[in-house]
Amino acid sequence: LGRDGIAPHYQLVVRREGAMDHLTVEVEADPLLA
């Protein structure tokens, strides 16, 4: 929140990769971001 270029909509996606858990942060871009 408050970072330039993104909207306040996000989701955290957790996957198992091998023996480890991995996190992907999905966040929407601001409509004005090129």
PDB file of all heavy atoms in Angstrom:
ATOM      1  N   LEU A   1       0.822  -1.207   0.000  1.00  0.00           N
ATOM      2  CA  LEU A   1       0.000   0.000   0.000  1.00  0.00           C
ATOM      3  C   LEU A   1       0.855   1.256   0.000  1.00  0.00           C
ATOM      4  O   LEU A   1       1.840   1.371   0.718  1.00  0.00           O
ATOM      5  CB  LEU A   1      -0.930   0.003   1.211  1.00  0.00           C
ATOM      6  CG  LEU A   1      -2.038  -1.044   1.147  1.00  0.00           C
ATOM      7  CD1 LEU A   1      -2.853  -1.040   2.420  1.00  0.00           C
ATOM      8  CD2 LEU A   1      -2.940  -0.811  -0.040  1.00  0.00           C
ATOM      9  N   GLY A   2       0.461   2.171  -0.822  1.00  0.00           N
ATOM     10  CA  GLY A   2       1.170   3.433  -0.925  1.00  0.00           C
ATOM     11  C   GLY A   2       2.286   3.436  -1.944  1.00  0.00           C
ATOM     12  O   GLY A   2       2.883   4.485  -2.213  1.00  0.00           O
ATOM     13  N   ARG A   3       2.580   2.257  -2.533  1.00  0.00           N
ATOM     14  CA  ARG A   3       3.639   2.219  -3.543  1.00  0.00           C
ATOM     15  C   ARG A   3       3.090   2.745  -4.869  1.00  0.00           C
ATOM     16  O   ARG A   3       1.961   2.462  -5.259  1.00  0.00           O
ATOM     17  CB  ARG A   3       4.167   0.804  -3.733  1.00  0.00           C
ATOM     18  CG  ARG A   3       4.593   0.107  -2.452  1.00  0.00           C
ATOM     19  CD  ARG A   3       5.676  -0.917  -2.713  1.00  0.00           C
ATOM     20  NE  ARG A   3       6.943  -0.258  -2.981  1.00  0.00           N
ATOM     21  CZ  ARG A   3       7.734   0.271  -2.043  1.00  0.00           C
ATOM     22  NH1 ARG A   3       7.371   0.219  -0.782  1.00  0.00           N
ATOM     23  NH2 ARG A   3       8.871   0.844  -2.370  1.00  0.00           N
ATOM     24  N   ASP A   4       3.895   3.471  -5.562  1.00  0.00           N
ATOM     25  CA  ASP A   4       3.502   4.025  -6.851  1.00  0.00           C
ATOM     26  C   ASP A   4       3.322   2.914  -7.879  1.00  0.00           C
ATOM     27  O   ASP A   4       4.061   1.914  -7.879  1.00  0.00           O
ATOM     28  CB  ASP A   4       4.547   5.022  -7.351  1.00  0.00           C
ATOM     29  CG  ASP A   4       4.609   6.282  -6.497  1.00  0.00           C
ATOM     30  OD1 ASP A   4       3.588   6.588  -5.849  1.00  0.00           O
ATOM     31  OD2 ASP A   4       5.674   6.932  -6.475  1.00  0.00           O
ATOM     32  N   GLY A   5       2.352   3.092  -8.748  1.00  0.00           N
ATOM     33  CA  GLY A   5       2.195   2.199  -9.885  1.00  0.00           C
ATOM     34  C   GLY A   5       1.270   1.024  -9.674  1.00  0.00           C
ATOM     35  O   GLY A   5       1.039   0.254 -10.605  1.00  0.00           O
ATOM     36  N   ILE A   6       0.712   0.845  -8.445  1.00  0.00           N
ATOM     37  CA  ILE A   6      -0.161  -0.297  -8.218  1.00  0.00           C
ATOM     38  C   ILE A   6      -1.470   0.152  -7.571  1.00  0.00           C
ATOM     39  O   ILE A   6      -1.540   1.210  -6.944  1.00  0.00           O
ATOM     40  CB  ILE A   6       0.508  -1.376  -7.335  1.00  0.00           C
ATOM     41  CG1 ILE A   6       0.898  -0.808  -5.964  1.00  0.00           C
ATOM     42  CG2 ILE A   6       1.698  -1.987  -8.042  1.00  0.00           C
ATOM     43  CD1 ILE A   6       1.423  -1.859  -5.003  1.00  0.00           C
ATOM     44  N   ALA A   7      -2.505  -0.681  -7.751  1.00  0.00           N
ATOM     45  CA  ALA A   7      -3.811  -0.453  -7.149  1.00  0.00           C
ATOM     46  C   ALA A   7      -3.907  -1.273  -5.861  1.00  0.00           C
ATOM     47  O   ALA A   7      -3.125  -2.210  -5.662  1.00  0.00           O
ATOM     48  CB  ALA A   7      -4.911  -0.866  -8.132  1.00  0.00           C
ATOM     49  N   PRO A   8      -4.854  -0.971  -4.972  1.00  0.00           N
ATOM     50  CA  PRO A   8      -4.951  -1.692  -3.692  1.00  0.00           C
ATOM     51  C   PRO A   8      -5.694  -3.022  -3.800  1.00  0.00           C
ATOM     52  O   PRO A   8      -6.585  -3.317  -3.010  1.00  0.00           O
ATOM     53  CB  PRO A   8      -5.705  -0.699  -2.801  1.00  0.00           C
ATOM     54  CG  PRO A   8      -6.585   0.038  -3.736  1.00  0.00           C
ATOM     55  CD  PRO A   8      -5.795   0.178  -5.010  1.00  0.00           C
ATOM     56  N   HIS A   9      -5.337  -3.836  -4.801  1.00  0.00           N
ATOM     57  CA  HIS A   9      -5.948  -5.147  -4.978  1.00  0.00           C
ATOM     58  C   HIS A   9      -4.820  -6.160  -5.153  1.00  0.00           C
ATOM     59  O   HIS A   9      -3.990  -6.015  -6.057  1.00  0.00           O
ATOM     60  CB  HIS A   9      -6.868  -5.169  -6.205  1.00  0.00           C
ATOM     61  CG  HIS A   9      -7.978  -4.174  -6.140  1.00  0.00           C
ATOM     62  ND1 HIS A   9      -9.049  -4.303  -5.296  1.00  0.00           N
ATOM     63  CD2 HIS A   9      -8.171  -3.005  -6.822  1.00  0.00           C
ATOM     64  CE1 HIS A   9      -9.861  -3.265  -5.443  1.00  0.00           C
ATOM     65  NE2 HIS A   9      -9.352  -2.467  -6.361  1.00  0.00           N
ATOM     66  N   TYR A  10      -4.795  -7.164  -4.278  1.00  0.00           N
ATOM     67  CA  TYR A  10      -3.705  -8.132  -4.332  1.00  0.00           C
ATOM     68  C   TYR A  10      -4.192  -9.499  -3.863  1.00  0.00           C
ATOM     69  O   TYR A  10      -5.247  -9.629  -3.242  1.00  0.00           O
ATOM     70  CB  TYR A  10      -2.526  -7.676  -3.462  1.00  0.00           C
ATOM     71  CG  TYR A  10      -2.793  -7.749  -1.978  1.00  0.00           C
ATOM     72  CD1 TYR A  10      -2.419  -8.869  -1.233  1.00  0.00           C
ATOM     73  CD2 TYR A  10      -3.449  -6.721  -1.306  1.00  0.00           C
ATOM     74  CE1 TYR A  10      -2.683  -8.956   0.120  1.00  0.00           C
ATOM     75  CE2 TYR A  10      -3.718  -6.794   0.051  1.00  0.00           C
ATOM     76  CZ  TYR A  10      -3.327  -7.912   0.760  1.00  0.00           C
ATOM     77  OH  TYR A  10      -3.592  -7.987   2.100  1.00  0.00           O
ATOM     78  N   GLN A  11      -3.398 -10.508  -4.170  1.00  0.00           N
ATOM     79  CA  GLN A  11      -3.661 -11.867  -3.723  1.00  0.00           C
ATOM     80  C   GLN A  11      -2.328 -12.580  -3.558  1.00  0.00           C
ATOM     81  O   GLN A  11      -1.410 -12.391  -4.356  1.00  0.00           O
ATOM     82  CB  GLN A  11      -4.542 -12.600  -4.725  1.00  0.00           C
ATOM     83  CG  GLN A  11      -5.073 -13.937  -4.230  1.00  0.00           C
ATOM     84  CD  GLN A  11      -6.153 -14.486  -5.174  1.00  0.00           C
ATOM     85  OE1 GLN A  11      -5.885 -14.752  -6.341  1.00  0.00           O
ATOM     86  NE2 GLN A  11      -7.368 -14.658  -4.665  1.00  0.00           N
ATOM     87  N   LEU A  12      -2.228 -13.385  -2.501  1.00  0.00           N
ATOM     88  CA  LEU A  12      -1.025 -14.169  -2.258  1.00  0.00           C
ATOM     89  C   LEU A  12      -1.297 -15.607  -2.684  1.00  0.00           C
ATOM     90  O   LEU A  12      -2.257 -16.226  -2.216  1.00  0.00           O
ATOM     91  CB  LEU A  12      -0.633 -14.125  -0.779  1.00  0.00           C
ATOM     92  CG  LEU A  12      -0.563 -12.750  -0.111  1.00  0.00           C
ATOM     93  CD1 LEU A  12      -0.052 -12.883   1.320  1.00  0.00           C
ATOM     94  CD2 LEU A  12       0.315 -11.797  -0.903  1.00  0.00           C
ATOM     95  N   VAL A  13      -0.467 -16.132  -3.575  1.00  0.00           N
ATOM     96  CA  VAL A  13      -0.631 -17.490  -4.088  1.00  0.00           C
ATOM     97  C   VAL A  13       0.524 -18.332  -3.558  1.00  0.00           C
ATOM     98  O   VAL A  13       1.698 -18.000  -3.755  1.00  0.00           O
ATOM     99  CB  VAL A  13      -0.648 -17.511  -5.631  1.00  0.00           C
ATOM    100  CG1 VAL A  13      -0.843 -18.934  -6.136  1.00  0.00           C
ATOM    101  CG2 VAL A  13      -1.743 -16.590  -6.162  1.00  0.00           C
ATOM    102  N   VAL A  14       0.172 -19.424  -2.866  1.00  0.00           N
ATOM    103  CA  VAL A  14       1.178 -20.296  -2.274  1.00  0.00           C
ATOM    104  C   VAL A  14       1.161 -21.637  -3.001  1.00  0.00           C
ATOM    105  O   VAL A  14       0.105 -22.259  -3.156  1.00  0.00           O
ATOM    106  CB  VAL A  14       0.915 -20.522  -0.773  1.00  0.00           C
ATOM    107  CG1 VAL A  14       2.069 -21.297  -0.145  1.00  0.00           C
ATOM    108  CG2 VAL A  14       0.726 -19.190  -0.052  1.00  0.00           C
ATOM    109  N   ARG A  15       2.355 -22.058  -3.468  1.00  0.00           N
ATOM    110  CA  ARG A  15       2.493 -23.338  -4.172  1.00  0.00           C
ATOM    111  C   ARG A  15       3.590 -24.154  -3.506  1.00  0.00           C
ATOM    112  O   ARG A  15       4.481 -23.606  -2.853  1.00  0.00           O
ATOM    113  CB  ARG A  15       2.851 -23.122  -5.645  1.00  0.00           C
ATOM    114  CG  ARG A  15       1.796 -22.429  -6.486  1.00  0.00           C
ATOM    115  CD  ARG A  15       2.275 -22.292  -7.928  1.00  0.00           C
ATOM    116  NE  ARG A  15       1.250 -21.732  -8.797  1.00  0.00           N
ATOM    117  CZ  ARG A  15       1.023 -20.423  -8.947  1.00  0.00           C
ATOM    118  NH1 ARG A  15       1.759 -19.550  -8.275  1.00  0.00           N
ATOM    119  NH2 ARG A  15       0.068 -19.999  -9.756  1.00  0.00           N
ATOM    120  N   ARG A  16       3.539 -25.456  -3.693  1.00  0.00           N
ATOM    121  CA  ARG A  16       4.619 -26.337  -3.251  1.00  0.00           C
ATOM    122  C   ARG A  16       5.516 -26.616  -4.462  1.00  0.00           C
ATOM    123  O   ARG A  16       5.062 -27.104  -5.488  1.00  0.00           O
ATOM    124  CB  ARG A  16       4.042 -27.636  -2.688  1.00  0.00           C
ATOM    125  CG  ARG A  16       5.062 -28.676  -2.256  1.00  0.00           C
ATOM    126  CD  ARG A  16       5.965 -28.193  -1.130  1.00  0.00           C
ATOM    127  NE  ARG A  16       5.238 -27.751   0.040  1.00  0.00           N
ATOM    128  CZ  ARG A  16       4.817 -28.559   1.016  1.00  0.00           C
ATOM    129  NH1 ARG A  16       5.051 -29.850   0.948  1.00  0.00           N
ATOM    130  NH2 ARG A  16       4.180 -28.064   2.064  1.00  0.00           N
ATOM    131  N   GLU A  17       6.797 -26.250  -4.331  1.00  0.00           N
ATOM    132  CA  GLU A  17       7.785 -26.496  -5.382  1.00  0.00           C
ATOM    133  C   GLU A  17       8.842 -27.408  -4.800  1.00  0.00           C
ATOM    134  O   GLU A  17       9.695 -26.978  -4.008  1.00  0.00           O
ATOM    135  CB  GLU A  17       8.378 -25.183  -5.882  1.00  0.00           C
ATOM    136  CG  GLU A  17       7.361 -24.276  -6.567  1.00  0.00           C
ATOM    137  CD  GLU A  17       7.991 -23.025  -7.150  1.00  0.00           C
ATOM    138  OE1 GLU A  17       9.205 -22.804  -6.920  1.00  0.00           O
ATOM    139  OE2 GLU A  17       7.277 -22.269  -7.837  1.00  0.00           O
ATOM    140  N   GLY A  18       8.786 -28.700  -5.166  1.00  0.00           N
ATOM    141  CA  GLY A  18       9.681 -29.669  -4.567  1.00  0.00           C
ATOM    142  C   GLY A  18       9.320 -29.858  -3.102  1.00  0.00           C
ATOM    143  O   GLY A  18       8.179 -30.131  -2.754  1.00  0.00           O
ATOM    144  N   ALA A  19      10.297 -29.665  -2.228  1.00  0.00           N
ATOM    145  CA  ALA A  19      10.055 -29.807  -0.789  1.00  0.00           C
ATOM    146  C   ALA A  19       9.773 -28.481  -0.119  1.00  0.00           C
ATOM    147  O   ALA A  19       9.595 -28.419   1.094  1.00  0.00           O
ATOM    148  CB  ALA A  19      11.263 -30.473  -0.130  1.00  0.00           C
ATOM    149  N   MET A  20       9.723 -27.387  -0.898  1.00  0.00           N
ATOM    150  CA  MET A  20       9.603 -26.055  -0.323  1.00  0.00           C
ATOM    151  C   MET A  20       8.307 -25.380  -0.769  1.00  0.00           C
ATOM    152  O   MET A  20       7.792 -25.637  -1.862  1.00  0.00           O
ATOM    153  CB  MET A  20      10.796 -25.186  -0.754  1.00  0.00           C
ATOM    154  CG  MET A  20      12.159 -25.758  -0.388  1.00  0.00           C
ATOM    155  SD  MET A  20      12.457 -25.745   1.388  1.00  0.00           S
ATOM    156  CE  MET A  20      12.714 -23.994   1.648  1.00  0.00           C
ATOM    157  N   ASP A  21       7.790 -24.495   0.088  1.00  0.00           N
ATOM    158  CA  ASP A  21       6.651 -23.658  -0.276  1.00  0.00           C
ATOM    159  C   ASP A  21       7.154 -22.385  -0.935  1.00  0.00           C
ATOM    160  O   ASP A  21       8.198 -21.832  -0.543  1.00  0.00           O
ATOM    161  CB  ASP A  21       5.831 -23.295   0.961  1.00  0.00           C
ATOM    162  CG  ASP A  21       5.112 -24.500   1.543  1.00  0.00           C
ATOM    163  OD1 ASP A  21       4.884 -25.465   0.796  1.00  0.00           O
ATOM    164  OD2 ASP A  21       4.799 -24.476   2.746  1.00  0.00           O
ATOM    165  N   HIS A  22       6.416 -21.922  -1.928  1.00  0.00           N
ATOM    166  CA  HIS A  22       6.821 -20.723  -2.659  1.00  0.00           C
ATOM    167  C   HIS A  22       5.660 -19.739  -2.714  1.00  0.00           C
ATOM    168  O   HIS A  22       4.501 -20.127  -2.901  1.00  0.00           O
ATOM    169  CB  HIS A  22       7.256 -21.079  -4.078  1.00  0.00           C
ATOM    170  CG  HIS A  22       7.798 -19.905  -4.846  1.00  0.00           C
ATOM    171  ND1 HIS A  22       9.056 -19.397  -4.636  1.00  0.00           N
ATOM    172  CD2 HIS A  22       7.226 -19.128  -5.796  1.00  0.00           C
ATOM    173  CE1 HIS A  22       9.245 -18.351  -5.433  1.00  0.00           C
ATOM    174  NE2 HIS A  22       8.148 -18.173  -6.146  1.00  0.00           N
ATOM    175  N   LEU A  23       5.982 -18.470  -2.558  1.00  0.00           N
ATOM    176  CA  LEU A  23       4.977 -17.409  -2.522  1.00  0.00           C
ATOM    177  C   LEU A  23       5.058 -16.554  -3.786  1.00  0.00           C
ATOM    178  O   LEU A  23       6.137 -16.111  -4.179  1.00  0.00           O
ATOM    179  CB  LEU A  23       5.205 -16.522  -1.291  1.00  0.00           C
ATOM    180  CG  LEU A  23       4.327 -15.263  -1.169  1.00  0.00           C
ATOM    181  CD1 LEU A  23       2.862 -15.653  -0.972  1.00  0.00           C
ATOM    182  CD2 LEU A  23       4.807 -14.387  -0.008  1.00  0.00           C
ATOM    183  N   THR A  24       3.893 -16.334  -4.394  1.00  0.00           N
ATOM    184  CA  THR A  24       3.768 -15.378  -5.492  1.00  0.00           C
ATOM    185  C   THR A  24       2.796 -14.293  -5.066  1.00  0.00           C
ATOM    186  O   THR A  24       1.681 -14.590  -4.620  1.00  0.00           O
ATOM    187  CB  THR A  24       3.247 -16.051  -6.775  1.00  0.00           C
ATOM    188  OG1 THR A  24       4.173 -17.060  -7.187  1.00  0.00           O
ATOM    189  CG2 THR A  24       3.099 -15.019  -7.890  1.00  0.00           C
ATOM    190  N   VAL A  25       3.209 -13.040  -5.175  1.00  0.00           N
ATOM    191  CA  VAL A  25       2.355 -11.902  -4.868  1.00  0.00           C
ATOM    192  C   VAL A  25       1.787 -11.379  -6.177  1.00  0.00           C
ATOM    193  O   VAL A  25       2.530 -10.899  -7.040  1.00  0.00           O
ATOM    194  CB  VAL A  25       3.145 -10.785  -4.148  1.00  0.00           C
ATOM    195  CG1 VAL A  25       2.231  -9.591  -3.873  1.00  0.00           C
ATOM    196  CG2 VAL A  25       3.743 -11.310  -2.849  1.00  0.00           C
ATOM    197  N   GLU A  26       0.473 -11.513  -6.335  1.00  0.00           N
ATOM    198  CA  GLU A  26      -0.204 -10.973  -7.508  1.00  0.00           C
ATOM    199  C   GLU A  26      -0.850  -9.644  -7.117  1.00  0.00           C
ATOM    200  O   GLU A  26      -1.624  -9.584  -6.160  1.00  0.00           O
ATOM    201  CB  GLU A  26      -1.269 -11.946  -8.019  1.00  0.00           C
ATOM    202  CG  GLU A  26      -0.699 -13.281  -8.488  1.00  0.00           C
ATOM    203  CD  GLU A  26      -1.758 -14.179  -9.095  1.00  0.00           C
ATOM    204  OE1 GLU A  26      -2.957 -13.861  -8.944  1.00  0.00           O
ATOM    205  OE2 GLU A  26      -1.394 -15.190  -9.720  1.00  0.00           O
ATOM    206  N   VAL A  27      -0.537  -8.600  -7.826  1.00  0.00           N
ATOM    207  CA  VAL A  27      -1.049  -7.276  -7.500  1.00  0.00           C
ATOM    208  C   VAL A  27      -1.432  -6.567  -8.789  1.00  0.00           C
ATOM    209  O   VAL A  27      -0.777  -6.754  -9.824  1.00  0.00           O
ATOM    210  CB  VAL A  27      -0.008  -6.464  -6.694  1.00  0.00           C
ATOM    211  CG1 VAL A  27       1.287  -6.303  -7.467  1.00  0.00           C
ATOM    212  CG2 VAL A  27      -0.561  -5.124  -6.248  1.00  0.00           C
ATOM    213  N   GLU A  28      -2.502  -5.783  -8.736  1.00  0.00           N
ATOM    214  CA  GLU A  28      -2.955  -5.078  -9.935  1.00  0.00           C
ATOM    215  C   GLU A  28      -2.148  -3.816 -10.170  1.00  0.00           C
ATOM    216  O   GLU A  28      -1.819  -3.083  -9.228  1.00  0.00           O
ATOM    217  CB  GLU A  28      -4.431  -4.705  -9.811  1.00  0.00           C
ATOM    218  CG  GLU A  28      -5.355  -5.806 -10.237  1.00  0.00           C
ATOM    219  CD  GLU A  28      -6.800  -5.345 -10.340  1.00  0.00           C
ATOM    220  OE1 GLU A  28      -7.033  -4.128 -10.419  1.00  0.00           O
ATOM    221  OE2 GLU A  28      -7.684  -6.209 -10.331  1.00  0.00           O
ATOM    222  N   ALA A  29      -1.874  -3.570 -11.429  1.00  0.00           N
ATOM    223  CA  ALA A  29      -1.209  -2.329 -11.816  1.00  0.00           C
ATOM    224  C   ALA A  29      -2.191  -1.170 -11.790  1.00  0.00           C
ATOM    225  O   ALA A  29      -3.393  -1.343 -12.006  1.00  0.00           O
ATOM    226  CB  ALA A  29      -0.608  -2.468 -13.213  1.00  0.00           C
ATOM    227  N   ASP A  30      -1.673   0.010 -11.511  1.00  0.00           N
ATOM    228  CA  ASP A  30      -2.473   1.219 -11.630  1.00  0.00           C
ATOM    229  C   ASP A  30      -2.841   1.420 -13.095  1.00  0.00           C
ATOM    230  O   ASP A  30      -2.018   1.164 -13.980  1.00  0.00           O
ATOM    231  CB  ASP A  30      -1.670   2.410 -11.104  1.00  0.00           C
ATOM    232  CG  ASP A  30      -2.498   3.679 -11.044  1.00  0.00           C
ATOM    233  OD1 ASP A  30      -2.691   4.293 -12.107  1.00  0.00           O
ATOM    234  OD2 ASP A  30      -2.918   4.054  -9.944  1.00  0.00           O
ATOM    235  N   PRO A  31      -4.075   1.856 -13.382  1.00  0.00           N
ATOM    236  CA  PRO A  31      -4.457   2.051 -14.789  1.00  0.00           C
ATOM    237  C   PRO A  31      -3.530   2.997 -15.560  1.00  0.00           C
ATOM    238  O   PRO A  31      -3.430   2.906 -16.785  1.00  0.00           O
ATOM    239  CB  PRO A  31      -5.883   2.627 -14.681  1.00  0.00           C
ATOM    240  CG  PRO A  31      -6.402   2.118 -13.375  1.00  0.00           C
ATOM    241  CD  PRO A  31      -5.210   2.085 -12.458  1.00  0.00           C
ATOM    242  N   LEU A  32      -2.851   3.887 -14.855  1.00  0.00           N
ATOM    243  CA  LEU A  32      -1.967   4.847 -15.521  1.00  0.00           C
ATOM    244  C   LEU A  32      -0.553   4.320 -15.732  1.00  0.00           C
ATOM    245  O   LEU A  32       0.266   4.989 -16.369  1.00  0.00           O
ATOM    246  CB  LEU A  32      -1.907   6.150 -14.711  1.00  0.00           C
ATOM    247  CG  LEU A  32      -3.240   6.891 -14.518  1.00  0.00           C
ATOM    248  CD1 LEU A  32      -3.046   8.129 -13.663  1.00  0.00           C
ATOM    249  CD2 LEU A  32      -3.861   7.246 -15.868  1.00  0.00           C
ATOM    250  N   LEU A  33      -0.251   3.124 -15.213  1.00  0.00           N
ATOM    251  CA  LEU A  33       1.095   2.586 -15.357  1.00  0.00           C
ATOM    252  C   LEU A  33       1.308   2.072 -16.776  1.00  0.00           C
ATOM    253  O   LEU A  33       0.517   1.287 -17.293  1.00  0.00           O
ATOM    254  CB  LEU A  33       1.310   1.449 -14.349  1.00  0.00           C
ATOM    255  CG  LEU A  33       2.714   0.852 -14.307  1.00  0.00           C
ATOM    256  CD1 LEU A  33       3.710   1.869 -13.728  1.00  0.00           C
ATOM    257  CD2 LEU A  33       2.739  -0.437 -13.497  1.00  0.00           C
ATOM    258  N   ALA A  34       2.377   2.497 -17.383  1.00  0.00           N
ATOM    259  CA  ALA A  34       2.702   2.064 -18.745  1.00  0.00           C
ATOM    260  C   ALA A  34       3.107   0.603 -18.745  1.00  0.00           C
ATOM    261  O   ALA A  34       3.725   0.111 -17.790  1.00  0.00           O
ATOM    262  CB  ALA A  34       3.829   2.927 -19.305  1.00  0.00           C
TER     263      ALA A  34
END
